[in-house]
Amino acid sequence: MSRVLVLGGSRSGKSAHAEFLLEGRDDVTYLATSVRSEDDAEWTARIAAHRARRPAAWTTVETTAPSELLRGGAVLVDSVTTWVAALMDETGVWADEPGALDRLADRCDALVNAWAMTPAHVVAVSDEVGLGVVPETRAGRLFRDTLGAVNQRLAGTADEVWFVVAGLPQRLR
């Protein structure tokens, strides 16, 4: 069992580094956490590029609930960023529904708890969003703050933490 968190900015090479950390393993379950949209050709192309790069022996599971799947073997969660965005949608945060923030907190707690107690070898990828411009909207700031808090909680119990900049991985822990 080990927990490895790979952080970086958009297009920094963090996913490729996470895949490299699992190189040579055939028992990997790849948790693809983004929600596909047939209306977004660019996003569909990015998903296809990630798929093409993965070894054929890896199992891909598309889900927005990775906490349910952190049970054993080797798991690659790509990414915590898209998972948090999907959770904000699923819990009604974007629509400012009553109780949405509590539901979001519960779902984030479930992931962090599963991460802390998993018997699996887990590598999770997440964006470091705290280095950029302060978001202009309340929703943007809530997303940044939520993801930042989740990243800190995951890093706090990680066995290794990597930061990838311009394709160059740097081990932080």
C-alpha atoms as a PDB file:
ATOM      1  CA  MET A   1       0.000   0.000   0.000  1.00  0.00           C
ATOM      2  CA  SER A   2       1.164   3.486  -0.804  1.00  0.00           C
ATOM      3  CA  ARG A   3      -0.431   6.783  -1.700  1.00  0.00           C
ATOM      4  CA  VAL A   4       1.252   9.051  -4.226  1.00  0.00           C
ATOM      5  CA  LEU A   5      -0.073  12.502  -5.106  1.00  0.00           C
ATOM      6  CA  VAL A   6       1.102  14.158  -8.327  1.00  0.00           C
ATOM      7  CA  LEU A   7       0.383  17.880  -8.524  1.00  0.00           C
ATOM      8  CA  GLY A   8       1.021  20.404 -11.256  1.00  0.00           C
ATOM      9  CA  GLY A   9      -0.508  23.055 -13.433  1.00  0.00           C
ATOM     10  CA  SER A  10      -2.561  22.431 -16.549  1.00  0.00           C
ATOM     11  CA  ARG A  11      -0.559  20.720 -19.288  1.00  0.00           C
ATOM     12  CA  SER A  12       2.456  20.385 -16.958  1.00  0.00           C
ATOM     13  CA  GLY A  13       3.027  16.667 -17.631  1.00  0.00           C
ATOM     14  CA  LYS A  14       1.555  15.462 -14.345  1.00  0.00           C
ATOM     15  CA  SER A  15      -0.598  12.699 -15.906  1.00  0.00           C
ATOM     16  CA  ALA A  16       2.327  11.349 -17.924  1.00  0.00           C
ATOM     17  CA  HIS A  17       4.456  11.308 -14.756  1.00  0.00           C
ATOM     18  CA  ALA A  18       1.719   9.485 -12.832  1.00  0.00           C
ATOM     19  CA  GLU A  19       1.528   6.889 -15.604  1.00  0.00           C
ATOM     20  CA  PHE A  20       5.328   6.550 -15.508  1.00  0.00           C
ATOM     21  CA  LEU A  21       5.150   5.816 -11.755  1.00  0.00           C
ATOM     22  CA  LEU A  22       2.968   2.796 -12.580  1.00  0.00           C
ATOM     23  CA  GLU A  23       5.017   1.673 -15.583  1.00  0.00           C
ATOM     24  CA  GLY A  24       5.383  -2.086 -15.914  1.00  0.00           C
ATOM     25  CA  ARG A  25       2.290  -2.897 -13.856  1.00  0.00           C
ATOM     26  CA  ASP A  26      -0.561  -4.716 -15.559  1.00  0.00           C
ATOM     27  CA  ASP A  27      -2.923  -4.639 -12.572  1.00  0.00           C
ATOM     28  CA  VAL A  28      -3.778  -0.929 -12.809  1.00  0.00           C
ATOM     29  CA  THR A  29      -7.327   0.365 -12.610  1.00  0.00           C
ATOM     30  CA  TYR A  30      -7.435   3.782 -14.226  1.00  0.00           C
ATOM     31  CA  LEU A  31     -10.176   5.908 -12.681  1.00  0.00           C
ATOM     32  CA  ALA A  32     -11.146   8.482 -15.287  1.00  0.00           C
ATOM     33  CA  THR A  33     -13.087  11.031 -13.270  1.00  0.00           C
ATOM     34  CA  SER A  34     -14.111  13.534 -15.917  1.00  0.00           C
ATOM     35  CA  VAL A  35     -17.603  13.645 -17.300  1.00  0.00           C
ATOM     36  CA  ARG A  36     -17.632  13.167 -21.063  1.00  0.00           C
ATOM     37  CA  SER A  37     -19.557  15.625 -23.170  1.00  0.00           C
ATOM     38  CA  GLU A  38     -20.381  14.823 -26.764  1.00  0.00           C
ATOM     39  CA  ASP A  39     -20.728  18.591 -27.330  1.00  0.00           C
ATOM     40  CA  ASP A  40     -17.058  19.279 -26.552  1.00  0.00           C
ATOM     41  CA  ALA A  41     -14.824  17.924 -29.329  1.00  0.00           C
ATOM     42  CA  GLU A  42     -11.628  19.269 -27.751  1.00  0.00           C
ATOM     43  CA  TRP A  43     -12.311  17.517 -24.424  1.00  0.00           C
ATOM     44  CA  THR A  44     -13.218  14.307 -26.253  1.00  0.00           C
ATOM     45  CA  ALA A  45      -9.869  14.495 -28.094  1.00  0.00           C
ATOM     46  CA  ARG A  46      -7.986  14.939 -24.794  1.00  0.00           C
ATOM     47  CA  ILE A  47      -9.701  11.876 -23.349  1.00  0.00           C
ATOM     48  CA  ALA A  48      -8.805   9.875 -26.465  1.00  0.00           C
ATOM     49  CA  ALA A  49      -5.148  10.954 -26.196  1.00  0.00           C
ATOM     50  CA  HIS A  50      -5.005   9.798 -22.563  1.00  0.00           C
ATOM     51  CA  ARG A  51      -6.580   6.462 -23.513  1.00  0.00           C
ATOM     52  CA  ALA A  52      -4.148   5.886 -26.378  1.00  0.00           C
ATOM     53  CA  ARG A  53      -1.181   6.464 -24.080  1.00  0.00           C
ATOM     54  CA  ARG A  54      -2.269   3.895 -21.464  1.00  0.00           C
ATOM     55  CA  PRO A  55      -1.148   0.254 -21.624  1.00  0.00           C
ATOM     56  CA  ALA A  56      -3.776  -2.078 -23.062  1.00  0.00           C
ATOM     57  CA  ALA A  57      -3.710  -4.258 -19.919  1.00  0.00           C
ATOM     58  CA  TRP A  58      -4.948  -1.413 -17.704  1.00  0.00           C
ATOM     59  CA  THR A  59      -8.645  -1.390 -16.845  1.00  0.00           C
ATOM     60  CA  THR A  60     -10.423   1.934 -17.285  1.00  0.00           C
ATOM     61  CA  VAL A  61     -13.379   2.863 -15.099  1.00  0.00           C
ATOM     62  CA  GLU A  62     -15.169   6.133 -15.757  1.00  0.00           C
ATOM     63  CA  THR A  63     -16.619   7.416 -12.498  1.00  0.00           C
ATOM     64  CA  THR A  64     -17.176  10.508 -10.425  1.00  0.00           C
ATOM     65  CA  ALA A  65     -17.020   8.432  -7.219  1.00  0.00           C
ATOM     66  CA  PRO A  66     -13.439   7.123  -6.975  1.00  0.00           C
ATOM     67  CA  SER A  67     -13.738   6.744  -3.214  1.00  0.00           C
ATOM     68  CA  GLU A  68     -15.871   3.660  -3.845  1.00  0.00           C
ATOM     69  CA  LEU A  69     -13.128   2.000  -5.868  1.00  0.00           C
ATOM     70  CA  LEU A  70     -10.004   2.477  -3.746  1.00  0.00           C
ATOM     71  CA  ARG A  71     -10.057  -1.099  -2.463  1.00  0.00           C
ATOM     72  CA  GLY A  72      -6.898  -2.859  -3.645  1.00  0.00           C
ATOM     73  CA  GLY A  73      -4.377  -3.456  -6.423  1.00  0.00           C
ATOM     74  CA  ALA A  74      -2.982  -0.423  -8.208  1.00  0.00           C
ATOM     75  CA  VAL A  75      -5.186   2.567  -8.955  1.00  0.00           C
ATOM     76  CA  LEU A  76      -4.532   5.717 -10.962  1.00  0.00           C
ATOM     77  CA  VAL A  77      -7.008   8.533 -10.250  1.00  0.00           C
ATOM     78  CA  ASP A  78      -6.905  11.066 -13.072  1.00  0.00           C
ATOM     79  CA  SER A  79      -7.888  13.471 -11.880  1.00  0.00           C
ATOM     80  CA  VAL A  80      -8.951  14.840  -8.524  1.00  0.00           C
ATOM     81  CA  THR A  81      -9.487  18.174 -10.311  1.00  0.00           C
ATOM     82  CA  THR A  82     -12.162  16.932 -12.698  1.00  0.00           C
ATOM     83  CA  TRP A  83     -13.666  14.847  -9.900  1.00  0.00           C
ATOM     84  CA  VAL A  84     -14.133  17.922  -7.686  1.00  0.00           C
ATOM     85  CA  ALA A  85     -15.665  19.837 -10.618  1.00  0.00           C
ATOM     86  CA  ALA A  86     -18.107  16.973 -11.258  1.00  0.00           C
ATOM     87  CA  LEU A  87     -18.967  16.777  -7.548  1.00  0.00           C
ATOM     88  CA  MET A  88     -19.756  20.468  -7.498  1.00  0.00           C
ATOM     89  CA  ASP A  89     -22.215  19.828 -10.301  1.00  0.00           C
ATOM     90  CA  GLU A  90     -23.681  16.641  -8.791  1.00  0.00           C
ATOM     91  CA  THR A  91     -24.185  18.197  -5.352  1.00  0.00           C
ATOM     92  CA  GLY A  92     -25.867  21.342  -6.711  1.00  0.00           C
ATOM     93  CA  VAL A  93     -23.114  23.779  -5.747  1.00  0.00           C
ATOM     94  CA  TRP A  94     -23.050  25.490  -9.147  1.00  0.00           C
ATOM     95  CA  ALA A  95     -26.826  26.011  -8.918  1.00  0.00           C
ATOM     96  CA  ASP A  96     -26.509  27.259  -5.297  1.00  0.00           C
ATOM     97  CA  GLU A  97     -29.010  24.649  -4.091  1.00  0.00           C
ATOM     98  CA  PRO A  98     -29.815  24.462  -0.361  1.00  0.00           C
ATOM     99  CA  GLY A  99     -27.492  22.031   1.445  1.00  0.00           C
ATOM    100  CA  ALA A 100     -25.131  21.802  -1.544  1.00  0.00           C
ATOM    101  CA  LEU A 101     -22.014  22.815   0.388  1.00  0.00           C
ATOM    102  CA  ASP A 102     -22.700  20.175   3.047  1.00  0.00           C
ATOM    103  CA  ARG A 103     -23.196  17.502   0.367  1.00  0.00           C
ATOM    104  CA  LEU A 104     -19.950  18.598  -1.315  1.00  0.00           C
ATOM    105  CA  ALA A 105     -18.056  18.443   1.985  1.00  0.00           C
ATOM    106  CA  ASP A 106     -19.418  14.934   2.638  1.00  0.00           C
ATOM    107  CA  ARG A 107     -18.311  13.703  -0.806  1.00  0.00           C
ATOM    108  CA  CYS A 108     -14.845  15.250  -0.385  1.00  0.00           C
ATOM    109  CA  ASP A 109     -14.567  13.647   3.070  1.00  0.00           C
ATOM    110  CA  ALA A 110     -15.425  10.267   1.530  1.00  0.00           C
ATOM    111  CA  LEU A 111     -12.553  10.536  -0.958  1.00  0.00           C
ATOM    112  CA  VAL A 112     -10.031  11.718   1.632  1.00  0.00           C
ATOM    113  CA  ASN A 113     -11.059   8.966   4.068  1.00  0.00           C
ATOM    114  CA  ALA A 114     -10.837   6.276   1.378  1.00  0.00           C
ATOM    115  CA  TRP A 115      -7.407   7.649   0.379  1.00  0.00           C
ATOM    116  CA  ALA A 116      -6.164   7.547   3.964  1.00  0.00           C
ATOM    117  CA  MET A 117      -7.359   3.977   4.557  1.00  0.00           C
ATOM    118  CA  THR A 118      -6.859   2.341   1.177  1.00  0.00           C
ATOM    119  CA  PRO A 119      -5.018  -0.973   0.932  1.00  0.00           C
ATOM    120  CA  ALA A 120      -4.237  -0.151  -2.714  1.00  0.00           C
ATOM    121  CA  HIS A 121      -1.193   1.413  -4.327  1.00  0.00           C
ATOM    122  CA  VAL A 122      -2.851   4.665  -5.436  1.00  0.00           C
ATOM    123  CA  VAL A 123      -1.431   7.406  -7.613  1.00  0.00           C
ATOM    124  CA  ALA A 124      -3.698  10.471  -7.811  1.00  0.00           C
ATOM    125  CA  VAL A 125      -3.270  13.414 -10.183  1.00  0.00           C
ATOM    126  CA  SER A 126      -4.503  16.891  -9.312  1.00  0.00           C
ATOM    127  CA  ASP A 127      -4.041  20.444 -10.512  1.00  0.00           C
ATOM    128  CA  GLU A 128      -2.352  22.957  -8.261  1.00  0.00           C
ATOM    129  CA  VAL A 129      -4.751  25.848  -8.767  1.00  0.00           C
ATOM    130  CA  GLY A 130      -3.381  28.140  -6.079  1.00  0.00           C
ATOM    131  CA  LEU A 131      -0.586  29.561  -8.247  1.00  0.00           C
ATOM    132  CA  GLY A 132      -2.770  31.434 -10.704  1.00  0.00           C
ATOM    133  CA  VAL A 133      -4.960  34.468 -10.830  1.00  0.00           C
ATOM    134  CA  VAL A 134      -7.662  34.875  -8.187  1.00  0.00           C
ATOM    135  CA  PRO A 135     -10.880  33.759  -9.885  1.00  0.00           C
ATOM    136  CA  GLU A 136     -13.272  36.568 -10.726  1.00  0.00           C
ATOM    137  CA  THR A 137     -16.438  34.698  -9.765  1.00  0.00           C
ATOM    138  CA  ARG A 138     -17.683  33.241  -6.486  1.00  0.00           C
ATOM    139  CA  ALA A 139     -18.029  29.835  -8.181  1.00  0.00           C
ATOM    140  CA  GLY A 140     -14.432  29.982  -9.425  1.00  0.00           C
ATOM    141  CA  ARG A 141     -13.121  30.895  -5.979  1.00  0.00           C
ATOM    142  CA  LEU A 142     -15.189  28.119  -4.372  1.00  0.00           C
ATOM    143  CA  PHE A 143     -13.757  25.591  -6.849  1.00  0.00           C
ATOM    144  CA  ARG A 144     -10.183  26.772  -6.237  1.00  0.00           C
ATOM    145  CA  ASP A 145     -10.656  26.730  -2.466  1.00  0.00           C
ATOM    146  CA  THR A 146     -12.318  23.297  -2.456  1.00  0.00           C
ATOM    147  CA  LEU A 147      -9.659  21.725  -4.652  1.00  0.00           C
ATOM    148  CA  GLY A 148      -6.883  23.371  -2.644  1.00  0.00           C
ATOM    149  CA  ALA A 149      -8.305  21.988   0.595  1.00  0.00           C
ATOM    150  CA  VAL A 150      -8.695  18.484  -0.879  1.00  0.00           C
ATOM    151  CA  ASN A 151      -5.124  18.587  -2.243  1.00  0.00           C
ATOM    152  CA  GLN A 152      -3.782  19.582   1.169  1.00  0.00           C
ATOM    153  CA  ARG A 153      -5.689  16.792   2.885  1.00  0.00           C
ATOM    154  CA  LEU A 154      -4.499  14.196   0.365  1.00  0.00           C
ATOM    155  CA  ALA A 155      -0.903  15.429   0.606  1.00  0.00           C
ATOM    156  CA  GLY A 156      -1.077  15.292   4.394  1.00  0.00           C
ATOM    157  CA  THR A 157      -1.451  11.503   4.360  1.00  0.00           C
ATOM    158  CA  ALA A 158       0.448  10.764   1.139  1.00  0.00           C
ATOM    159  CA  ASP A 159       3.573   8.624   1.175  1.00  0.00           C
ATOM    160  CA  GLU A 160       4.973  10.622  -1.756  1.00  0.00           C
ATOM    161  CA  VAL A 161       4.057  13.998  -3.232  1.00  0.00           C
ATOM    162  CA  TRP A 162       5.349  15.133  -6.617  1.00  0.00           C
ATOM    163  CA  PHE A 163       5.102  18.540  -8.268  1.00  0.00           C
ATOM    164  CA  VAL A 164       5.467  18.631 -12.045  1.00  0.00           C
ATOM    165  CA  VAL A 165       6.483  21.845 -13.804  1.00  0.00           C
ATOM    166  CA  ALA A 166       7.138  21.993 -17.565  1.00  0.00           C
ATOM    167  CA  GLY A 167       7.376  18.210 -17.665  1.00  0.00           C
ATOM    168  CA  LEU A 168       9.971  18.109 -14.891  1.00  0.00           C
ATOM    169  CA  PRO A 169       8.862  16.149 -11.818  1.00  0.00           C
ATOM    170  CA  GLN A 170      10.150  17.285  -8.437  1.00  0.00           C
ATOM    171  CA  ARG A 171       9.595  15.114  -5.385  1.00  0.00           C
ATOM    172  CA  LEU A 172       8.289  17.143  -2.445  1.00  0.00           C
ATOM    173  CA  ARG A 173       7.867  14.269  -0.009  1.00  0.00           C
END
